[in-house]
Amino acid sequence: MNVEELTAKILDDNKTLDRYQLALAVSKRSDEILNGATSKLNIDPKSIKAADLALMEIAQGLIVIKGFEDIIR
């Protein structure tokens, strides 16, 4: 899936989440990945952009960003 499809899937699955909240969640998770957090996916973080990896993790419901527990699952 490309970035647009992943974004659309996340926003469709989470009706109370808007694109700005999603951008904050992706940014936060990207920072964590860049600072050494292990990926929840079976993908080498060096082979993909951190933002794309974060978006994929959120789309699959593998992470919860603090403050959005009721929104992202």
Protein backbone atom coordinates (compact mmCIF):
# COMPACT_ATOMS: atom_id res chain seq x y z
CA MET A 1 0.00 0.00 0.00
CA ASN A 2 1.20 3.49 -0.71
CA VAL A 3 1.13 6.39 1.74
CA GLU A 4 -2.16 7.78 0.48
CA GLU A 5 -3.91 4.41 0.79
CA LEU A 6 -2.53 3.85 4.30
CA THR A 7 -3.62 7.31 5.39
CA ALA A 8 -7.10 6.80 3.95
CA LYS A 9 -7.39 3.39 5.66
CA ILE A 10 -6.40 4.81 9.06
CA LEU A 11 -8.79 7.75 8.77
CA ASP A 12 -11.64 5.49 7.56
CA ASP A 13 -11.08 3.03 10.42
CA ASN A 14 -10.88 5.81 13.04
CA LYS A 15 -13.73 8.24 12.43
CA THR A 16 -12.84 10.43 15.43
CA LEU A 17 -9.23 10.86 14.27
CA ASP A 18 -8.43 13.75 11.95
CA ARG A 19 -5.44 14.12 9.66
CA TYR A 20 -3.69 16.54 12.01
CA GLN A 21 -3.83 14.07 14.90
CA LEU A 22 -2.58 11.38 12.54
CA ALA A 23 0.32 13.61 11.48
CA LEU A 24 1.25 14.13 15.15
CA ALA A 25 1.07 10.39 15.82
CA VAL A 26 3.23 9.58 12.78
CA SER A 27 5.73 12.26 13.77
CA LYS A 28 5.99 10.97 17.33
CA ARG A 29 6.44 7.35 16.22
CA SER A 30 8.96 8.38 13.54
CA ASP A 31 11.05 10.12 16.20
CA GLU A 32 10.94 7.01 18.35
CA ILE A 33 12.09 4.84 15.43
CA LEU A 34 14.88 7.26 14.53
CA ASN A 35 16.01 7.22 18.17
CA GLY A 36 16.37 3.44 18.19
CA ALA A 37 12.94 2.01 18.99
CA THR A 38 12.41 -1.42 17.49
CA SER A 39 9.84 -1.80 14.76
CA LYS A 40 6.68 -3.78 15.45
CA LEU A 41 6.79 -4.96 11.84
CA ASN A 42 9.19 -7.49 10.42
CA ILE A 43 10.91 -4.80 8.34
CA ASP A 44 14.43 -3.45 8.66
CA PRO A 45 14.03 0.21 9.70
CA LYS A 46 17.07 1.12 7.62
CA SER A 47 15.35 -0.04 4.42
CA ILE A 48 12.33 2.27 4.70
CA LYS A 49 11.67 5.84 5.78
CA ALA A 50 10.77 6.19 9.45
CA ALA A 51 7.54 8.05 8.64
CA ASP A 52 6.41 5.31 6.25
CA LEU A 53 7.20 2.64 8.82
CA ALA A 54 5.30 4.55 11.51
CA LEU A 55 2.31 4.94 9.20
CA MET A 56 2.34 1.21 8.45
CA GLU A 57 2.47 0.35 12.15
CA ILE A 58 -0.45 2.65 12.92
CA ALA A 59 -2.47 1.31 9.98
CA GLN A 60 -2.05 -2.24 11.26
CA GLY A 61 -2.95 -1.23 14.81
CA LEU A 62 0.39 -2.35 16.20
CA ILE A 63 1.09 0.77 18.23
CA VAL A 64 -0.82 3.16 20.42
CA ILE A 65 0.37 6.73 20.70
CA LYS A 66 -0.01 8.16 24.20
CA GLY A 67 -2.96 10.53 24.26
CA PHE A 68 -4.77 8.73 21.44
CA GLU A 69 -5.53 5.44 23.23
CA ASP A 70 -9.24 5.76 22.57
CA ILE A 71 -8.69 6.65 18.93
CA ILE A 72 -5.90 4.47 17.49
CA ARG A 73 -6.02 0.74 18.08
